[in-house]
């Protein structure tokens, strides 16, 4: 029976669990930030009640859509434009589903209309930002690890002797 289940390595399980935990934290944070931006960081009690009543629907729908779009696969250290497009599509679809679900449940009554578009922008910014920040701070790729850049496997080309040393540090012959 256990042969039918796919074998997943422990590092993969840890990585996916970490990505899931980050999303579980970022989704309500982005939604709260959208409310805060709408009310100039002074959320009235009645509006905070809207937040509390709707945040769980938002988290559930967004996590399901993120899973359907495969945002828990892949490595954050190899993030690129395609990942940002996938993230944008997932956030867009989840925002449409959230607006529809809240309208069908009658939870949009009295809720500011600008919160959901603000949440869309903030969620893309937060989730995309954390992915790109992680990508640029890893030793294999990041700008923060300047000491490792000289020993990186990508820099195996010998320095160009035709170019001044300050002009072509990567070894190109065309300055």
N, C-alpha and C. Protein backbone atom coordinates (compact mmCIF):
# COMPACT_ATOMS: atom_id res chain seq x y z
N UNK A 1 0.82 -1.19 0.00
CA UNK A 1 0.00 0.00 0.00
C UNK A 1 0.87 1.26 0.00
N UNK A 2 1.96 1.25 0.75
CA UNK A 2 2.80 2.44 0.80
C UNK A 2 3.57 2.66 -0.49
N UNK A 3 3.67 1.63 -1.36
CA UNK A 3 4.35 1.81 -2.63
C UNK A 3 3.53 2.66 -3.59
N UNK A 4 2.24 2.80 -3.36
CA UNK A 4 1.39 3.61 -4.23
C UNK A 4 1.54 5.10 -3.96
N UNK A 5 1.98 5.45 -2.79
CA UNK A 5 2.14 6.86 -2.43
C UNK A 5 3.49 7.36 -2.95
N UNK A 6 3.52 8.58 -3.47
CA UNK A 6 4.81 9.11 -3.95
C UNK A 6 5.74 9.37 -2.77
N UNK A 7 7.00 9.10 -2.99
CA UNK A 7 8.00 9.34 -1.95
C UNK A 7 8.47 10.79 -2.05
N UNK A 8 8.41 11.46 -0.95
CA UNK A 8 8.81 12.87 -0.91
C UNK A 8 9.95 12.99 0.08
N UNK A 9 11.00 13.65 -0.35
CA UNK A 9 12.16 13.78 0.51
C UNK A 9 11.87 14.75 1.66
N UNK A 10 12.49 14.53 2.81
CA UNK A 10 12.27 15.44 3.95
C UNK A 10 12.61 16.90 3.65
N UNK A 11 13.69 17.21 2.91
CA UNK A 11 13.92 18.63 2.61
C UNK A 11 12.80 19.25 1.79
N UNK A 12 12.21 18.48 0.89
CA UNK A 12 11.10 18.98 0.08
C UNK A 12 9.88 19.26 0.95
N UNK A 13 9.62 18.36 1.90
CA UNK A 13 8.50 18.56 2.82
C UNK A 13 8.72 19.81 3.66
N UNK A 14 9.95 19.99 4.16
CA UNK A 14 10.25 21.18 4.96
C UNK A 14 10.10 22.46 4.13
N UNK A 15 10.58 22.43 2.89
CA UNK A 15 10.50 23.62 2.03
C UNK A 15 9.06 23.97 1.73
N UNK A 16 8.27 22.97 1.36
CA UNK A 16 6.86 23.23 1.05
C UNK A 16 6.09 23.67 2.29
N UNK A 17 6.44 23.10 3.45
CA UNK A 17 5.80 23.53 4.70
C UNK A 17 6.15 24.97 5.02
N UNK A 18 7.38 25.35 4.77
CA UNK A 18 7.79 26.73 5.00
C UNK A 18 7.06 27.68 4.06
N UNK A 19 6.95 27.32 2.80
CA UNK A 19 6.23 28.16 1.84
C UNK A 19 4.77 28.30 2.25
N UNK A 20 4.15 27.20 2.67
CA UNK A 20 2.77 27.24 3.13
C UNK A 20 2.63 28.13 4.36
N UNK A 21 3.55 28.00 5.30
CA UNK A 21 3.50 28.84 6.51
C UNK A 21 3.66 30.32 6.17
N UNK A 22 4.53 30.63 5.23
CA UNK A 22 4.71 32.03 4.82
C UNK A 22 3.42 32.55 4.19
N UNK A 23 2.78 31.75 3.35
CA UNK A 23 1.52 32.19 2.74
C UNK A 23 0.42 32.34 3.78
N UNK A 24 0.37 31.43 4.74
CA UNK A 24 -0.65 31.53 5.79
C UNK A 24 -0.46 32.81 6.59
N UNK A 25 0.76 33.26 6.74
CA UNK A 25 1.02 34.53 7.45
C UNK A 25 0.78 35.74 6.55
N UNK A 26 1.18 35.64 5.27
CA UNK A 26 1.09 36.80 4.38
C UNK A 26 -0.33 37.13 3.95
N UNK A 27 -1.18 36.13 3.78
CA UNK A 27 -2.53 36.39 3.28
C UNK A 27 -3.33 37.28 4.24
N UNK A 28 -3.44 36.95 5.54
CA UNK A 28 -4.15 37.87 6.43
C UNK A 28 -3.42 39.21 6.61
N UNK A 29 -2.08 39.18 6.57
CA UNK A 29 -1.33 40.43 6.70
C UNK A 29 -1.61 41.36 5.53
N UNK A 30 -1.67 40.83 4.32
CA UNK A 30 -1.97 41.65 3.15
C UNK A 30 -3.40 42.19 3.23
N UNK A 31 -4.32 41.37 3.69
CA UNK A 31 -5.72 41.80 3.82
C UNK A 31 -5.85 42.89 4.88
N UNK A 32 -5.18 42.70 6.01
CA UNK A 32 -5.19 43.72 7.06
C UNK A 32 -4.53 45.01 6.57
N UNK A 33 -3.47 44.89 5.81
CA UNK A 33 -2.81 46.07 5.24
C UNK A 33 -3.75 46.80 4.28
N UNK A 34 -4.54 46.05 3.50
CA UNK A 34 -5.50 46.68 2.60
C UNK A 34 -6.54 47.47 3.40
N UNK A 35 -7.04 46.90 4.49
CA UNK A 35 -7.96 47.64 5.36
C UNK A 35 -7.27 48.87 5.94
N UNK A 36 -6.04 48.70 6.39
CA UNK A 36 -5.31 49.82 6.99
C UNK A 36 -5.08 50.94 5.97
N UNK A 37 -4.73 50.58 4.75
CA UNK A 37 -4.54 51.61 3.71
C UNK A 37 -5.84 52.32 3.40
N UNK A 38 -6.92 51.59 3.38
CA UNK A 38 -8.23 52.19 3.08
C UNK A 38 -8.63 53.21 4.14
N UNK A 39 -8.30 52.94 5.40
CA UNK A 39 -8.72 53.81 6.49
C UNK A 39 -7.56 54.59 7.10
N UNK A 40 -6.51 54.83 6.32
CA UNK A 40 -5.36 55.61 6.76
C UNK A 40 -4.78 55.08 8.08
N UNK A 41 -4.70 53.79 8.19
CA UNK A 41 -4.11 53.09 9.33
C UNK A 41 -4.85 53.33 10.64
N UNK A 42 -6.13 53.70 10.55
CA UNK A 42 -7.01 53.83 11.72
C UNK A 42 -8.30 53.09 11.41
N UNK A 43 -8.27 51.78 11.54
CA UNK A 43 -9.42 50.96 11.16
C UNK A 43 -10.50 51.08 12.22
N UNK A 44 -11.70 51.54 11.84
CA UNK A 44 -12.81 51.60 12.81
C UNK A 44 -13.21 50.20 13.27
N UNK A 45 -13.80 50.13 14.43
CA UNK A 45 -14.20 48.84 14.99
C UNK A 45 -15.17 48.08 14.12
N UNK A 46 -16.13 48.79 13.50
CA UNK A 46 -17.10 48.11 12.64
C UNK A 46 -16.43 47.51 11.40
N UNK A 47 -15.42 48.19 10.89
CA UNK A 47 -14.70 47.67 9.72
C UNK A 47 -13.76 46.53 10.11
N UNK A 48 -13.22 46.59 11.31
CA UNK A 48 -12.39 45.49 11.77
C UNK A 48 -13.25 44.23 11.96
N UNK A 49 -14.51 44.42 12.29
CA UNK A 49 -15.44 43.28 12.37
C UNK A 49 -15.62 42.65 10.99
N UNK A 50 -15.66 43.47 9.93
CA UNK A 50 -15.71 42.93 8.56
C UNK A 50 -14.46 42.11 8.26
N UNK A 51 -13.32 42.63 8.70
CA UNK A 51 -12.07 41.92 8.50
C UNK A 51 -12.12 40.55 9.16
N UNK A 52 -12.51 40.53 10.44
CA UNK A 52 -12.55 39.27 11.18
C UNK A 52 -13.55 38.28 10.59
N UNK A 53 -14.65 38.78 10.06
CA UNK A 53 -15.68 37.89 9.51
C UNK A 53 -15.29 37.31 8.16
N UNK A 54 -14.43 37.98 7.41
CA UNK A 54 -14.13 37.55 6.05
C UNK A 54 -12.74 36.99 5.85
N UNK A 55 -11.84 37.17 6.78
CA UNK A 55 -10.45 36.78 6.57
C UNK A 55 -10.30 35.27 6.40
N UNK A 56 -11.12 34.47 7.08
CA UNK A 56 -10.98 33.02 6.99
C UNK A 56 -11.39 32.50 5.62
N UNK A 57 -12.41 33.13 5.03
CA UNK A 57 -12.79 32.76 3.65
C UNK A 57 -11.65 33.11 2.69
N UNK A 58 -11.07 34.25 2.91
CA UNK A 58 -9.96 34.71 2.07
C UNK A 58 -8.79 33.74 2.14
N UNK A 59 -8.40 33.34 3.34
CA UNK A 59 -7.27 32.43 3.52
C UNK A 59 -7.56 31.09 2.86
N UNK A 60 -8.74 30.54 3.08
CA UNK A 60 -9.07 29.23 2.52
C UNK A 60 -9.08 29.25 0.99
N UNK A 61 -9.75 30.23 0.42
CA UNK A 61 -9.84 30.30 -1.05
C UNK A 61 -8.48 30.56 -1.66
N UNK A 62 -7.74 31.48 -1.09
CA UNK A 62 -6.44 31.83 -1.67
C UNK A 62 -5.45 30.67 -1.57
N UNK A 63 -5.45 29.93 -0.46
CA UNK A 63 -4.55 28.78 -0.34
C UNK A 63 -4.91 27.69 -1.35
N UNK A 64 -6.19 27.47 -1.57
CA UNK A 64 -6.61 26.48 -2.56
C UNK A 64 -6.20 26.89 -3.98
N UNK A 65 -6.39 28.15 -4.30
CA UNK A 65 -6.01 28.62 -5.63
C UNK A 65 -4.49 28.60 -5.79
N UNK A 66 -3.76 28.99 -4.77
CA UNK A 66 -2.30 28.93 -4.85
C UNK A 66 -1.83 27.50 -5.07
N UNK A 67 -2.48 26.54 -4.41
CA UNK A 67 -2.13 25.14 -4.60
C UNK A 67 -2.45 24.70 -6.03
N UNK A 68 -3.61 25.12 -6.55
CA UNK A 68 -3.99 24.76 -7.92
C UNK A 68 -3.02 25.34 -8.95
N UNK A 69 -2.47 26.50 -8.67
CA UNK A 69 -1.51 27.13 -9.58
C UNK A 69 -0.08 26.63 -9.37
N UNK A 70 0.11 25.75 -8.42
CA UNK A 70 1.43 25.17 -8.19
C UNK A 70 2.43 26.12 -7.56
N UNK A 71 1.95 27.04 -6.75
CA UNK A 71 2.87 28.00 -6.13
C UNK A 71 3.67 27.40 -4.98
N UNK A 72 3.36 26.15 -4.61
CA UNK A 72 4.13 25.51 -3.55
C UNK A 72 5.22 24.61 -4.12
N UNK A 73 5.28 24.52 -5.44
CA UNK A 73 6.36 23.77 -6.09
C UNK A 73 7.44 24.77 -6.49
N UNK A 74 8.59 24.26 -6.83
CA UNK A 74 9.67 25.11 -7.30
C UNK A 74 10.51 25.67 -6.17
N UNK A 75 11.60 26.25 -6.56
CA UNK A 75 12.55 26.81 -5.61
C UNK A 75 12.45 28.33 -5.63
N UNK A 76 12.41 28.94 -4.48
CA UNK A 76 12.37 30.39 -4.41
C UNK A 76 13.69 31.01 -4.81
N UNK A 77 14.77 30.24 -4.77
CA UNK A 77 16.05 30.82 -5.14
C UNK A 77 16.20 30.91 -6.65
N UNK A 78 15.28 30.31 -7.42
CA UNK A 78 15.29 30.38 -8.87
C UNK A 78 14.04 31.08 -9.38
N UNK A 79 13.64 32.14 -8.74
CA UNK A 79 12.41 32.83 -9.09
C UNK A 79 12.67 33.78 -10.25
N UNK A 80 11.65 33.93 -11.11
CA UNK A 80 11.80 34.80 -12.27
C UNK A 80 10.47 35.44 -12.64
N UNK A 81 10.44 36.01 -13.83
CA UNK A 81 9.25 36.70 -14.30
C UNK A 81 8.08 35.74 -14.46
N UNK A 82 8.34 34.52 -14.89
CA UNK A 82 7.27 33.53 -15.05
C UNK A 82 6.59 33.25 -13.70
N UNK A 83 7.38 33.19 -12.65
CA UNK A 83 6.81 32.97 -11.31
C UNK A 83 5.94 34.15 -10.90
N UNK A 84 6.37 35.36 -11.24
CA UNK A 84 5.57 36.54 -10.91
C UNK A 84 4.26 36.55 -11.70
N UNK A 85 4.30 36.11 -12.95
CA UNK A 85 3.07 36.03 -13.74
C UNK A 85 2.12 34.97 -13.18
N UNK A 86 2.67 33.82 -12.78
CA UNK A 86 1.84 32.78 -12.15
C UNK A 86 1.23 33.29 -10.84
N UNK A 87 2.02 33.98 -10.06
CA UNK A 87 1.53 34.54 -8.80
C UNK A 87 0.42 35.56 -9.07
N UNK A 88 0.63 36.43 -10.05
CA UNK A 88 -0.39 37.43 -10.39
C UNK A 88 -1.68 36.78 -10.85
N UNK A 89 -1.57 35.74 -11.66
CA UNK A 89 -2.77 35.04 -12.12
C UNK A 89 -3.49 34.36 -10.96
N UNK A 90 -2.74 33.76 -10.06
CA UNK A 90 -3.35 33.09 -8.91
C UNK A 90 -4.03 34.09 -7.98
N UNK A 91 -3.39 35.21 -7.74
CA UNK A 91 -3.99 36.24 -6.87
C UNK A 91 -5.22 36.84 -7.54
N UNK A 92 -5.16 37.03 -8.85
CA UNK A 92 -6.31 37.59 -9.58
C UNK A 92 -7.51 36.64 -9.50
N UNK A 93 -7.27 35.36 -9.81
CA UNK A 93 -8.37 34.40 -9.75
C UNK A 93 -8.92 34.27 -8.33
N UNK A 94 -8.04 34.21 -7.35
CA UNK A 94 -8.51 34.08 -5.97
C UNK A 94 -9.28 35.32 -5.53
N UNK A 95 -8.88 36.48 -5.99
CA UNK A 95 -9.61 37.71 -5.65
C UNK A 95 -11.01 37.71 -6.26
N UNK A 96 -11.12 37.23 -7.49
CA UNK A 96 -12.44 37.13 -8.13
C UNK A 96 -13.31 36.12 -7.38
N UNK A 97 -12.73 34.98 -7.01
CA UNK A 97 -13.49 33.98 -6.27
C UNK A 97 -13.89 34.48 -4.88
N UNK A 98 -13.02 35.23 -4.25
CA UNK A 98 -13.33 35.77 -2.91
C UNK A 98 -14.46 36.79 -3.01
N UNK A 99 -14.39 37.68 -3.99
CA UNK A 99 -15.45 38.67 -4.15
C UNK A 99 -16.79 37.99 -4.43
N UNK A 100 -16.77 36.94 -5.25
CA UNK A 100 -17.99 36.20 -5.56
C UNK A 100 -18.52 35.48 -4.32
N UNK A 101 -17.64 34.82 -3.60
CA UNK A 101 -18.07 34.08 -2.41
C UNK A 101 -18.62 35.01 -1.34
N UNK A 102 -17.95 36.13 -1.12
CA UNK A 102 -18.44 37.07 -0.11
C UNK A 102 -19.77 37.68 -0.51
N UNK A 103 -19.95 37.93 -1.81
CA UNK A 103 -21.23 38.47 -2.28
C UNK A 103 -22.35 37.43 -2.12
N UNK A 104 -22.06 36.19 -2.45
CA UNK A 104 -23.07 35.13 -2.31
C UNK A 104 -23.44 34.88 -0.85
N UNK A 105 -22.48 35.05 0.05
CA UNK A 105 -22.73 34.85 1.47
C UNK A 105 -23.30 36.09 2.15
N UNK A 106 -23.38 37.18 1.43
CA UNK A 106 -23.92 38.42 1.98
C UNK A 106 -22.96 39.14 2.91
N UNK A 107 -21.68 38.87 2.78
CA UNK A 107 -20.70 39.48 3.68
C UNK A 107 -20.12 40.79 3.13
N UNK A 108 -20.55 41.19 1.96
CA UNK A 108 -20.03 42.45 1.40
C UNK A 108 -20.87 43.65 1.81
N UNK A 109 -21.98 43.41 2.46
CA UNK A 109 -22.85 44.51 2.87
C UNK A 109 -22.13 45.39 3.90
N UNK A 110 -21.93 46.65 3.55
CA UNK A 110 -21.25 47.59 4.44
C UNK A 110 -19.74 47.55 4.35
N UNK A 111 -19.21 46.66 3.55
CA UNK A 111 -17.76 46.54 3.42
C UNK A 111 -17.27 47.49 2.32
N UNK A 112 -16.17 48.21 2.56
CA UNK A 112 -15.66 49.14 1.53
C UNK A 112 -15.25 48.39 0.27
N UNK A 113 -15.64 48.93 -0.88
CA UNK A 113 -15.34 48.28 -2.16
C UNK A 113 -13.87 48.34 -2.50
N UNK A 114 -13.13 49.27 -1.95
CA UNK A 114 -11.72 49.43 -2.31
C UNK A 114 -10.81 48.42 -1.61
N UNK A 115 -11.31 47.71 -0.62
CA UNK A 115 -10.46 46.80 0.14
C UNK A 115 -9.98 45.63 -0.72
N UNK A 116 -10.86 45.05 -1.52
CA UNK A 116 -10.46 43.90 -2.32
C UNK A 116 -9.44 44.25 -3.40
N UNK A 117 -9.60 45.35 -4.15
CA UNK A 117 -8.53 45.71 -5.08
C UNK A 117 -7.22 46.06 -4.37
N UNK A 118 -7.30 46.71 -3.22
CA UNK A 118 -6.08 46.98 -2.45
C UNK A 118 -5.43 45.68 -1.98
N UNK A 119 -6.25 44.73 -1.57
CA UNK A 119 -5.72 43.43 -1.16
C UNK A 119 -5.02 42.75 -2.32
N UNK A 120 -5.57 42.85 -3.53
CA UNK A 120 -4.96 42.26 -4.72
C UNK A 120 -3.55 42.82 -4.93
N UNK A 121 -3.43 44.14 -4.87
CA UNK A 121 -2.13 44.79 -5.08
C UNK A 121 -1.15 44.42 -3.97
N UNK A 122 -1.60 44.50 -2.74
CA UNK A 122 -0.72 44.24 -1.59
C UNK A 122 -0.28 42.78 -1.56
N UNK A 123 -1.19 41.85 -1.91
CA UNK A 123 -0.82 40.44 -1.89
C UNK A 123 0.23 40.12 -2.94
N UNK A 124 0.10 40.69 -4.13
CA UNK A 124 1.12 40.48 -5.16
C UNK A 124 2.44 41.09 -4.70
N UNK A 125 2.37 42.27 -4.12
CA UNK A 125 3.58 42.94 -3.64
C UNK A 125 4.26 42.14 -2.53
N UNK A 126 3.49 41.71 -1.54
CA UNK A 126 4.08 40.97 -0.42
C UNK A 126 4.63 39.61 -0.86
N UNK A 127 3.81 38.83 -1.54
CA UNK A 127 4.23 37.49 -1.90
C UNK A 127 5.33 37.51 -2.95
N UNK A 128 5.19 38.35 -3.95
CA UNK A 128 6.25 38.47 -4.95
C UNK A 128 7.51 39.07 -4.35
N UNK A 129 7.33 40.04 -3.48
CA UNK A 129 8.48 40.67 -2.85
C UNK A 129 9.28 39.72 -1.98
N UNK A 130 8.59 38.88 -1.23
CA UNK A 130 9.32 37.95 -0.37
C UNK A 130 10.03 36.88 -1.20
N UNK A 131 9.43 36.49 -2.32
CA UNK A 131 10.08 35.52 -3.20
C UNK A 131 11.35 36.11 -3.81
N UNK A 132 11.24 37.32 -4.33
CA UNK A 132 12.41 37.94 -4.94
C UNK A 132 13.46 38.29 -3.89
N UNK A 133 13.04 38.71 -2.72
CA UNK A 133 14.01 38.99 -1.66
C UNK A 133 14.76 37.73 -1.26
N UNK A 134 14.05 36.62 -1.15
CA UNK A 134 14.71 35.36 -0.82
C UNK A 134 15.66 34.96 -1.94
N UNK A 135 15.22 35.17 -3.17
CA UNK A 135 16.05 34.82 -4.32
C UNK A 135 17.36 35.59 -4.33
N UNK A 136 17.31 36.86 -3.98
CA UNK A 136 18.51 37.69 -4.05
C UNK A 136 19.35 37.65 -2.79
N UNK A 137 18.92 36.93 -1.79
CA UNK A 137 19.74 36.81 -0.58
C UNK A 137 20.31 35.42 -0.39
N UNK A 138 20.10 34.53 -1.35
CA UNK A 138 20.69 33.20 -1.26
C UNK A 138 22.12 33.25 -1.76
N UNK A 139 23.01 32.47 -1.17
CA UNK A 139 24.42 32.51 -1.56
C UNK A 139 24.66 32.15 -3.02
N UNK A 140 23.81 31.32 -3.62
CA UNK A 140 24.02 30.89 -4.99
C UNK A 140 23.78 32.01 -6.00
N UNK A 141 22.98 33.00 -5.64
CA UNK A 141 22.55 33.98 -6.62
C UNK A 141 22.61 35.42 -6.14
N UNK A 142 22.60 35.64 -4.87
CA UNK A 142 22.26 36.95 -4.35
C UNK A 142 23.33 37.99 -4.37
N UNK A 143 22.89 39.22 -4.39
CA UNK A 143 23.79 40.37 -4.38
C UNK A 143 24.34 40.63 -3.00
N UNK A 144 23.69 40.10 -1.97
CA UNK A 144 24.16 40.35 -0.61
C UNK A 144 25.37 39.48 -0.27
N UNK A 145 25.64 38.46 -1.05
CA UNK A 145 26.72 37.54 -0.78
C UNK A 145 27.87 37.84 -1.73
N UNK A 146 28.43 39.03 -1.63
CA UNK A 146 29.45 39.46 -2.59
C UNK A 146 30.71 38.60 -2.52
N UNK A 147 31.04 38.03 -1.38
CA UNK A 147 32.24 37.20 -1.28
C UNK A 147 32.07 35.92 -2.09
N UNK A 148 30.86 35.41 -2.16
CA UNK A 148 30.65 34.16 -2.90
C UNK A 148 30.53 34.40 -4.39
N UNK A 149 30.35 35.64 -4.83
CA UNK A 149 30.21 35.89 -6.26
C UNK A 149 31.49 35.55 -7.00
N UNK A 150 32.65 35.74 -6.38
CA UNK A 150 33.90 35.46 -7.08
C UNK A 150 34.17 33.97 -7.18
N UNK A 151 33.55 33.17 -6.31
CA UNK A 151 33.77 31.73 -6.36
C UNK A 151 32.56 31.00 -6.91
N UNK A 152 31.62 31.73 -7.46
CA UNK A 152 30.42 31.11 -8.00
C UNK A 152 30.76 30.29 -9.24
N UNK A 153 30.08 29.17 -9.46
CA UNK A 153 30.34 28.35 -10.64
C UNK A 153 30.07 29.09 -11.94
N UNK A 154 29.26 30.14 -11.90
CA UNK A 154 28.97 30.88 -13.12
C UNK A 154 30.16 31.72 -13.56
N UNK A 155 31.10 31.97 -12.71
CA UNK A 155 32.23 32.85 -13.03
C UNK A 155 33.49 32.03 -13.26
N UNK A 156 33.43 31.11 -14.19
CA UNK A 156 34.59 30.27 -14.46
C UNK A 156 35.39 30.80 -15.65
N UNK A 157 34.91 31.83 -16.33
CA UNK A 157 35.63 32.40 -17.47
C UNK A 157 36.78 33.24 -16.95
N UNK A 158 37.91 33.11 -17.59
CA UNK A 158 39.08 33.90 -17.18
C UNK A 158 38.85 35.37 -17.53
N UNK A 159 39.42 36.28 -16.76
CA UNK A 159 39.25 37.70 -17.05
C UNK A 159 39.81 38.05 -18.43
N UNK A 160 39.16 38.98 -19.06
CA UNK A 160 39.57 39.41 -20.40
C UNK A 160 40.80 40.29 -20.29
N UNK A 161 41.81 40.02 -21.08
CA UNK A 161 43.04 40.83 -21.02
C UNK A 161 42.95 42.04 -21.92
N UNK A 162 41.97 42.05 -22.85
CA UNK A 162 41.84 43.20 -23.75
C UNK A 162 41.12 44.37 -23.10
N UNK A 163 40.32 44.09 -22.11
CA UNK A 163 39.53 45.14 -21.46
C UNK A 163 40.20 45.57 -20.16
N UNK A 164 39.98 46.82 -19.78
CA UNK A 164 40.49 47.25 -18.47
C UNK A 164 39.83 46.43 -17.36
N UNK A 165 40.52 46.24 -16.27
CA UNK A 165 40.00 45.41 -15.19
C UNK A 165 38.72 45.97 -14.59
N UNK A 166 38.55 47.29 -14.60
CA UNK A 166 37.34 47.86 -14.02
C UNK A 166 36.16 47.76 -14.98
N UNK A 167 36.39 47.51 -16.26
CA UNK A 167 35.32 47.53 -17.24
C UNK A 167 34.67 46.17 -17.43
N UNK A 168 35.42 45.11 -17.34
CA UNK A 168 34.85 43.79 -17.66
C UNK A 168 35.23 42.78 -16.59
N UNK A 169 34.64 42.85 -15.41
CA UNK A 169 35.01 41.90 -14.36
C UNK A 169 34.50 40.50 -14.61
N UNK A 170 33.56 40.30 -15.54
CA UNK A 170 33.00 38.97 -15.76
C UNK A 170 33.78 38.19 -16.81
N UNK A 171 34.75 38.78 -17.46
CA UNK A 171 35.55 38.04 -18.41
C UNK A 171 35.11 38.18 -19.85
N UNK A 172 34.25 39.13 -20.16
CA UNK A 172 33.82 39.25 -21.54
C UNK A 172 34.90 39.93 -22.37
N UNK A 173 34.93 39.61 -23.66
CA UNK A 173 35.93 40.23 -24.53
C UNK A 173 35.35 41.43 -25.25
N UNK A 174 34.05 41.61 -25.16
CA UNK A 174 33.43 42.79 -25.78
C UNK A 174 32.99 43.69 -24.64
N UNK A 175 33.64 44.81 -24.55
CA UNK A 175 33.35 45.70 -23.45
C UNK A 175 32.10 46.42 -23.75
